[in-house]
């Protein structure tokens, strides 16, 4: 049954992934067909990972989720195919585009980017994060909007006072940036340190939250 389901719809899904519309249908028809397919897959418990793209000031973010919650948020320069391939290897190959499942995530991100949201409420799936990373990112997730901690402070709170380098690595591999706010961790003394999304984005996020003053041009 599982194979038949995906074989029957494979051409539609592949066309949507390539942004190529079926010859006998409009873009709206194709998008509707994809949504119906995703809903059917979910009902029949054939869909483990859903994904979509969400607009942001940085360009389209790829969001992926499971029944537990948001599992991945990727910046525009990350290859969609590579992100999906890693999700297939780490979680499940039963992946499908399903934008309607991310309406709440998109709304919260929109509100955050315009300064109307200070905390995310969407559920998270931490399954891509290892044990030490969960401790580090758990500390990070608790840093209030507009506040920062140093790498040493995060490592200490995560139970490894001498593990600031390891904490930095865990922060750098955060699979759900922005929502898990690894941008709120700085070097001792206030230097930005590193950031998987690039230092310009890190500064932009911290300025948005009021943790840093905008640089004078």
C-alpha atoms as a PDB file:
ATOM      1  CA  UNK A   1       0.000   0.000   0.000  1.00  0.00           C
ATOM      2  CA  UNK A   2       2.714   2.459   0.950  1.00  0.00           C
ATOM      3  CA  UNK A   3       4.620   1.936  -2.265  1.00  0.00           C
ATOM      4  CA  UNK A   4       1.471   2.142  -4.375  1.00  0.00           C
ATOM      5  CA  UNK A   5       0.467   5.420  -2.727  1.00  0.00           C
ATOM      6  CA  UNK A   6       3.725   7.173  -3.452  1.00  0.00           C
ATOM      7  CA  UNK A   7       4.157   5.583  -6.889  1.00  0.00           C
ATOM      8  CA  UNK A   8       0.722   6.855  -7.955  1.00  0.00           C
ATOM      9  CA  UNK A   9       1.583  10.445  -7.041  1.00  0.00           C
ATOM     10  CA  UNK A  10       5.305  10.464  -7.763  1.00  0.00           C
ATOM     11  CA  UNK A  11       5.118  12.555 -10.934  1.00  0.00           C
ATOM     12  CA  UNK A  12       3.053  15.281  -9.266  1.00  0.00           C
ATOM     13  CA  UNK A  13       5.415  15.459  -6.280  1.00  0.00           C
ATOM     14  CA  UNK A  14       8.525  15.518  -8.459  1.00  0.00           C
ATOM     15  CA  UNK A  15       7.015  18.263 -10.609  1.00  0.00           C
ATOM     16  CA  UNK A  16       6.241  20.361  -7.554  1.00  0.00           C
ATOM     17  CA  UNK A  17       9.741  19.849  -6.151  1.00  0.00           C
ATOM     18  CA  UNK A  18      11.175  21.144  -9.445  1.00  0.00           C
ATOM     19  CA  UNK A  19       8.630  23.981  -9.577  1.00  0.00           C
ATOM     20  CA  UNK A  20       7.371  22.470 -12.883  1.00  0.00           C
ATOM     21  CA  UNK A  21       3.586  22.524 -13.203  1.00  0.00           C
ATOM     22  CA  UNK A  22       1.722  19.613 -14.813  1.00  0.00           C
ATOM     23  CA  UNK A  23       0.827  20.391 -18.432  1.00  0.00           C
ATOM     24  CA  UNK A  24      -2.914  20.096 -17.825  1.00  0.00           C
ATOM     25  CA  UNK A  25      -3.183  22.204 -14.671  1.00  0.00           C
ATOM     26  CA  UNK A  26      -2.455  25.613 -13.244  1.00  0.00           C
ATOM     27  CA  UNK A  27      -0.092  26.427 -10.379  1.00  0.00           C
ATOM     28  CA  UNK A  28      -3.070  26.714  -8.042  1.00  0.00           C
ATOM     29  CA  UNK A  29      -4.388  23.320  -9.135  1.00  0.00           C
ATOM     30  CA  UNK A  30      -0.991  21.741  -8.576  1.00  0.00           C
ATOM     31  CA  UNK A  31      -0.624  23.322  -5.148  1.00  0.00           C
ATOM     32  CA  UNK A  32      -4.089  22.115  -4.191  1.00  0.00           C
ATOM     33  CA  UNK A  33      -3.273  18.616  -5.383  1.00  0.00           C
ATOM     34  CA  UNK A  34      -0.122  18.638  -3.303  1.00  0.00           C
ATOM     35  CA  UNK A  35      -2.037  19.722  -0.198  1.00  0.00           C
ATOM     36  CA  UNK A  36      -4.627  16.987  -0.720  1.00  0.00           C
ATOM     37  CA  UNK A  37      -1.872  14.455  -1.225  1.00  0.00           C
ATOM     38  CA  UNK A  38      -0.150  15.555   1.991  1.00  0.00           C
ATOM     39  CA  UNK A  39      -3.411  15.398   3.927  1.00  0.00           C
ATOM     40  CA  UNK A  40      -4.102  11.899   2.618  1.00  0.00           C
ATOM     41  CA  UNK A  41      -0.588  10.758   3.464  1.00  0.00           C
ATOM     42  CA  UNK A  42      -0.951  12.121   6.992  1.00  0.00           C
ATOM     43  CA  UNK A  43      -4.346  10.446   7.482  1.00  0.00           C
ATOM     44  CA  UNK A  44      -2.954   7.112   6.348  1.00  0.00           C
ATOM     45  CA  UNK A  45       0.164   7.589   8.525  1.00  0.00           C
ATOM     46  CA  UNK A  46       2.433   7.555   5.486  1.00  0.00           C
ATOM     47  CA  UNK A  47       3.957  10.994   6.087  1.00  0.00           C
ATOM     48  CA  UNK A  48       6.678  11.407   8.700  1.00  0.00           C
ATOM     49  CA  UNK A  49       8.251  14.734   7.693  1.00  0.00           C
ATOM     50  CA  UNK A  50       6.500  17.691   6.067  1.00  0.00           C
ATOM     51  CA  UNK A  51       8.182  20.832   4.775  1.00  0.00           C
ATOM     52  CA  UNK A  52       7.623  24.184   3.134  1.00  0.00           C
ATOM     53  CA  UNK A  53       9.354  27.515   2.573  1.00  0.00           C
ATOM     54  CA  UNK A  54       8.559  30.600   4.641  1.00  0.00           C
ATOM     55  CA  UNK A  55       9.376  34.173   3.619  1.00  0.00           C
ATOM     56  CA  UNK A  56      11.757  36.134   5.836  1.00  0.00           C
ATOM     57  CA  UNK A  57      13.894  39.287   5.642  1.00  0.00           C
ATOM     58  CA  UNK A  58      16.769  36.968   4.677  1.00  0.00           C
ATOM     59  CA  UNK A  59      14.903  35.209   1.882  1.00  0.00           C
ATOM     60  CA  UNK A  60      12.951  31.938   1.928  1.00  0.00           C
ATOM     61  CA  UNK A  61      13.569  29.738   4.971  1.00  0.00           C
ATOM     62  CA  UNK A  62      13.016  26.011   4.572  1.00  0.00           C
ATOM     63  CA  UNK A  63      10.929  24.725   7.487  1.00  0.00           C
ATOM     64  CA  UNK A  64      10.479  21.021   8.189  1.00  0.00           C
ATOM     65  CA  UNK A  65       8.445  19.364  10.886  1.00  0.00           C
ATOM     66  CA  UNK A  66       7.210  16.074  12.298  1.00  0.00           C
ATOM     67  CA  UNK A  67       4.218  15.227  14.437  1.00  0.00           C
ATOM     68  CA  UNK A  68       6.278  16.413  17.421  1.00  0.00           C
ATOM     69  CA  UNK A  69       6.889  19.867  16.007  1.00  0.00           C
ATOM     70  CA  UNK A  70       9.353  21.992  14.024  1.00  0.00           C
ATOM     71  CA  UNK A  71      12.516  19.962  13.466  1.00  0.00           C
ATOM     72  CA  UNK A  72      14.507  22.074  11.005  1.00  0.00           C
ATOM     73  CA  UNK A  73      14.746  25.691   9.869  1.00  0.00           C
ATOM     74  CA  UNK A  74      17.292  26.281   7.117  1.00  0.00           C
ATOM     75  CA  UNK A  75      18.650  29.564   5.770  1.00  0.00           C
ATOM     76  CA  UNK A  76      18.321  30.321   2.028  1.00  0.00           C
ATOM     77  CA  UNK A  77      21.885  29.394   1.084  1.00  0.00           C
ATOM     78  CA  UNK A  78      21.391  25.830   2.317  1.00  0.00           C
ATOM     79  CA  UNK A  79      20.470  23.514  -0.540  1.00  0.00           C
ATOM     80  CA  UNK A  80      16.871  22.322  -0.230  1.00  0.00           C
ATOM     81  CA  UNK A  81      17.789  18.935  -1.681  1.00  0.00           C
ATOM     82  CA  UNK A  82      20.674  18.514   0.772  1.00  0.00           C
ATOM     83  CA  UNK A  83      18.512  19.468   3.757  1.00  0.00           C
ATOM     84  CA  UNK A  84      15.784  17.028   2.687  1.00  0.00           C
ATOM     85  CA  UNK A  85      18.306  14.270   2.043  1.00  0.00           C
ATOM     86  CA  UNK A  86      19.709  14.650   5.565  1.00  0.00           C
ATOM     87  CA  UNK A  87      16.207  14.626   7.018  1.00  0.00           C
ATOM     88  CA  UNK A  88      15.464  11.469   5.055  1.00  0.00           C
ATOM     89  CA  UNK A  89      18.603   9.816   6.434  1.00  0.00           C
ATOM     90  CA  UNK A  90      18.186  11.013  10.030  1.00  0.00           C
ATOM     91  CA  UNK A  91      14.401  10.833  10.476  1.00  0.00           C
ATOM     92  CA  UNK A  92      12.486   9.215   7.594  1.00  0.00           C
ATOM     93  CA  UNK A  93      12.400   9.181   3.788  1.00  0.00           C
ATOM     94  CA  UNK A  94       8.628   9.718   3.889  1.00  0.00           C
ATOM     95  CA  UNK A  95       8.839  13.467   3.242  1.00  0.00           C
ATOM     96  CA  UNK A  96       6.352  15.702   1.473  1.00  0.00           C
ATOM     97  CA  UNK A  97       5.746  19.410   0.934  1.00  0.00           C
ATOM     98  CA  UNK A  98       2.755  20.483   3.048  1.00  0.00           C
ATOM     99  CA  UNK A  99       2.580  24.287   3.487  1.00  0.00           C
ATOM    100  CA  UNK A 100      -0.688  24.313   5.450  1.00  0.00           C
ATOM    101  CA  UNK A 101       0.987  22.471   8.305  1.00  0.00           C
ATOM    102  CA  UNK A 102       3.235  25.487   8.877  1.00  0.00           C
ATOM    103  CA  UNK A 103       0.653  28.254   9.060  1.00  0.00           C
ATOM    104  CA  UNK A 104       1.273  28.806  12.774  1.00  0.00           C
ATOM    105  CA  UNK A 105       5.066  28.720  12.417  1.00  0.00           C
ATOM    106  CA  UNK A 106       4.890  31.216   9.546  1.00  0.00           C
ATOM    107  CA  UNK A 107       2.613  33.523  11.544  1.00  0.00           C
ATOM    108  CA  UNK A 108       4.936  33.488  14.572  1.00  0.00           C
ATOM    109  CA  UNK A 109       7.998  34.164  12.412  1.00  0.00           C
ATOM    110  CA  UNK A 110       6.235  37.030  10.623  1.00  0.00           C
ATOM    111  CA  UNK A 111       5.322  38.578  13.980  1.00  0.00           C
ATOM    112  CA  UNK A 112       8.870  38.142  15.277  1.00  0.00           C
ATOM    113  CA  UNK A 113      10.477  39.753  12.234  1.00  0.00           C
ATOM    114  CA  UNK A 114       8.352  42.884  12.580  1.00  0.00           C
ATOM    115  CA  UNK A 115       8.993  43.158  16.330  1.00  0.00           C
ATOM    116  CA  UNK A 116       5.572  42.013  17.557  1.00  0.00           C
ATOM    117  CA  UNK A 117       6.646  38.664  19.048  1.00  0.00           C
ATOM    118  CA  UNK A 118       9.189  38.090  21.804  1.00  0.00           C
ATOM    119  CA  UNK A 119       8.804  34.336  22.339  1.00  0.00           C
ATOM    120  CA  UNK A 120       7.913  31.425  20.067  1.00  0.00           C
ATOM    121  CA  UNK A 121       5.172  29.061  21.115  1.00  0.00           C
ATOM    122  CA  UNK A 122       5.386  26.485  18.337  1.00  0.00           C
ATOM    123  CA  UNK A 123       6.220  22.918  19.363  1.00  0.00           C
ATOM    124  CA  UNK A 124       9.747  21.701  18.623  1.00  0.00           C
ATOM    125  CA  UNK A 125      11.150  18.306  17.712  1.00  0.00           C
ATOM    126  CA  UNK A 126      14.645  18.000  19.204  1.00  0.00           C
ATOM    127  CA  UNK A 127      15.468  14.654  17.572  1.00  0.00           C
ATOM    128  CA  UNK A 128      18.291  16.070  15.387  1.00  0.00           C
ATOM    129  CA  UNK A 129      20.131  17.338  18.486  1.00  0.00           C
ATOM    130  CA  UNK A 130      22.489  15.181  20.562  1.00  0.00           C
ATOM    131  CA  UNK A 131      22.516  14.946  24.376  1.00  0.00           C
ATOM    132  CA  UNK A 132      25.075  17.693  25.009  1.00  0.00           C
ATOM    133  CA  UNK A 133      23.546  19.859  22.309  1.00  0.00           C
ATOM    134  CA  UNK A 134      20.157  19.521  23.991  1.00  0.00           C
ATOM    135  CA  UNK A 135      21.619  20.826  27.250  1.00  0.00           C
ATOM    136  CA  UNK A 136      23.340  23.726  25.494  1.00  0.00           C
ATOM    137  CA  UNK A 137      20.373  24.652  23.320  1.00  0.00           C
ATOM    138  CA  UNK A 138      18.011  24.199  26.245  1.00  0.00           C
ATOM    139  CA  UNK A 139      19.956  26.898  28.085  1.00  0.00           C
ATOM    140  CA  UNK A 140      19.953  29.015  24.936  1.00  0.00           C
ATOM    141  CA  UNK A 141      16.197  28.650  24.452  1.00  0.00           C
ATOM    142  CA  UNK A 142      15.689  30.142  27.917  1.00  0.00           C
ATOM    143  CA  UNK A 143      17.666  33.354  27.213  1.00  0.00           C
ATOM    144  CA  UNK A 144      15.067  36.134  27.282  1.00  0.00           C
ATOM    145  CA  UNK A 145      14.369  38.333  24.279  1.00  0.00           C
ATOM    146  CA  UNK A 146      16.763  41.289  24.309  1.00  0.00           C
ATOM    147  CA  UNK A 147      19.302  39.516  26.541  1.00  0.00           C
ATOM    148  CA  UNK A 148      22.544  37.681  25.815  1.00  0.00           C
ATOM    149  CA  UNK A 149      24.868  35.202  27.499  1.00  0.00           C
ATOM    150  CA  UNK A 150      28.498  34.351  26.808  1.00  0.00           C
ATOM    151  CA  UNK A 151      29.685  30.991  25.525  1.00  0.00           C
ATOM    152  CA  UNK A 152      31.254  30.312  28.915  1.00  0.00           C
ATOM    153  CA  UNK A 153      28.016  31.132  30.716  1.00  0.00           C
ATOM    154  CA  UNK A 154      26.037  28.824  28.451  1.00  0.00           C
ATOM    155  CA  UNK A 155      28.560  25.995  28.866  1.00  0.00           C
ATOM    156  CA  UNK A 156      28.500  26.435  32.649  1.00  0.00           C
ATOM    157  CA  UNK A 157      24.716  26.361  32.819  1.00  0.00           C
ATOM    158  CA  UNK A 158      24.764  23.275  30.579  1.00  0.00           C
ATOM    159  CA  UNK A 159      26.962  21.532  33.170  1.00  0.00           C
ATOM    160  CA  UNK A 160      30.337  21.843  31.415  1.00  0.00           C
ATOM    161  CA  UNK A 161      32.183  24.958  32.704  1.00  0.00           C
ATOM    162  CA  UNK A 162      35.260  24.198  30.601  1.00  0.00           C
ATOM    163  CA  UNK A 163      33.281  23.273  27.526  1.00  0.00           C
ATOM    164  CA  UNK A 164      32.826  26.663  25.886  1.00  0.00           C
ATOM    165  CA  UNK A 165      34.347  25.413  22.618  1.00  0.00           C
ATOM    166  CA  UNK A 166      32.052  22.379  22.581  1.00  0.00           C
ATOM    167  CA  UNK A 167      29.138  24.653  23.433  1.00  0.00           C
ATOM    168  CA  UNK A 168      30.078  26.843  20.484  1.00  0.00           C
ATOM    169  CA  UNK A 169      30.063  23.805  18.206  1.00  0.00           C
ATOM    170  CA  UNK A 170      26.626  22.800  19.483  1.00  0.00           C
ATOM    171  CA  UNK A 171      25.328  26.317  18.886  1.00  0.00           C
ATOM    172  CA  UNK A 172      26.848  26.360  15.408  1.00  0.00           C
ATOM    173  CA  UNK A 173      25.009  23.178  14.462  1.00  0.00           C
ATOM    174  CA  UNK A 174      21.649  24.324  15.843  1.00  0.00           C
ATOM    175  CA  UNK A 175      19.077  22.864  13.404  1.00  0.00           C
ATOM    176  CA  UNK A 176      16.335  25.336  14.404  1.00  0.00           C
ATOM    177  CA  UNK A 177      17.985  28.788  14.416  1.00  0.00           C
ATOM    178  CA  UNK A 178      16.000  31.919  15.281  1.00  0.00           C
ATOM    179  CA  UNK A 179      13.341  29.864  17.088  1.00  0.00           C
ATOM    180  CA  UNK A 180      16.062  28.381  19.310  1.00  0.00           C
ATOM    181  CA  UNK A 181      17.916  31.690  19.651  1.00  0.00           C
ATOM    182  CA  UNK A 182      21.586  30.738  19.381  1.00  0.00           C
ATOM    183  CA  UNK A 183      22.186  34.290  18.096  1.00  0.00           C
ATOM    184  CA  UNK A 184      21.852  35.450  21.732  1.00  0.00           C
ATOM    185  CA  UNK A 185      25.221  33.931  22.679  1.00  0.00           C
ATOM    186  CA  UNK A 186      28.306  36.168  22.402  1.00  0.00           C
ATOM    187  CA  UNK A 187      31.957  35.954  23.257  1.00  0.00           C
ATOM    188  CA  UNK A 188      33.071  37.194  26.646  1.00  0.00           C
ATOM    189  CA  UNK A 189      33.503  40.937  26.236  1.00  0.00           C
ATOM    190  CA  UNK A 190      30.634  41.275  23.773  1.00  0.00           C
ATOM    191  CA  UNK A 191      32.176  40.256  20.439  1.00  0.00           C
ATOM    192  CA  UNK A 192      29.696  38.503  18.181  1.00  0.00           C
ATOM    193  CA  UNK A 193      31.565  35.210  17.930  1.00  0.00           C
ATOM    194  CA  UNK A 194      30.233  32.851  15.289  1.00  0.00           C
ATOM    195  CA  UNK A 195      26.849  32.088  13.777  1.00  0.00           C
ATOM    196  CA  UNK A 196      25.734  29.433  11.317  1.00  0.00           C
ATOM    197  CA  UNK A 197      23.634  31.983   9.438  1.00  0.00           C
ATOM    198  CA  UNK A 198      26.475  34.508   9.164  1.00  0.00           C
ATOM    199  CA  UNK A 199      27.466  37.401  11.390  1.00  0.00           C
ATOM    200  CA  UNK A 200      25.394  39.983   9.487  1.00  0.00           C
ATOM    201  CA  UNK A 201      22.257  38.011  10.273  1.00  0.00           C
ATOM    202  CA  UNK A 202      23.327  37.561  13.877  1.00  0.00           C
ATOM    203  CA  UNK A 203      23.789  41.295  14.289  1.00  0.00           C
ATOM    204  CA  UNK A 204      20.465  41.979  12.531  1.00  0.00           C
ATOM    205  CA  UNK A 205      18.607  39.670  14.925  1.00  0.00           C
ATOM    206  CA  UNK A 206      20.277  41.160  18.000  1.00  0.00           C
ATOM    207  CA  UNK A 207      19.514  44.691  16.801  1.00  0.00           C
ATOM    208  CA  UNK A 208      15.903  43.686  16.162  1.00  0.00           C
ATOM    209  CA  UNK A 209      15.669  42.478  19.766  1.00  0.00           C
ATOM    210  CA  UNK A 210      17.430  45.545  21.164  1.00  0.00           C
ATOM    211  CA  UNK A 211      20.387  43.566  22.522  1.00  0.00           C
ATOM    212  CA  UNK A 212      22.728  45.549  20.250  1.00  0.00           C
ATOM    213  CA  UNK A 213      22.505  49.114  19.053  1.00  0.00           C
ATOM    214  CA  UNK A 214      22.494  49.588  15.272  1.00  0.00           C
ATOM    215  CA  UNK A 215      25.892  50.364  13.806  1.00  0.00           C
ATOM    216  CA  UNK A 216      26.347  53.931  12.595  1.00  0.00           C
ATOM    217  CA  UNK A 217      26.737  54.124   8.812  1.00  0.00           C
END
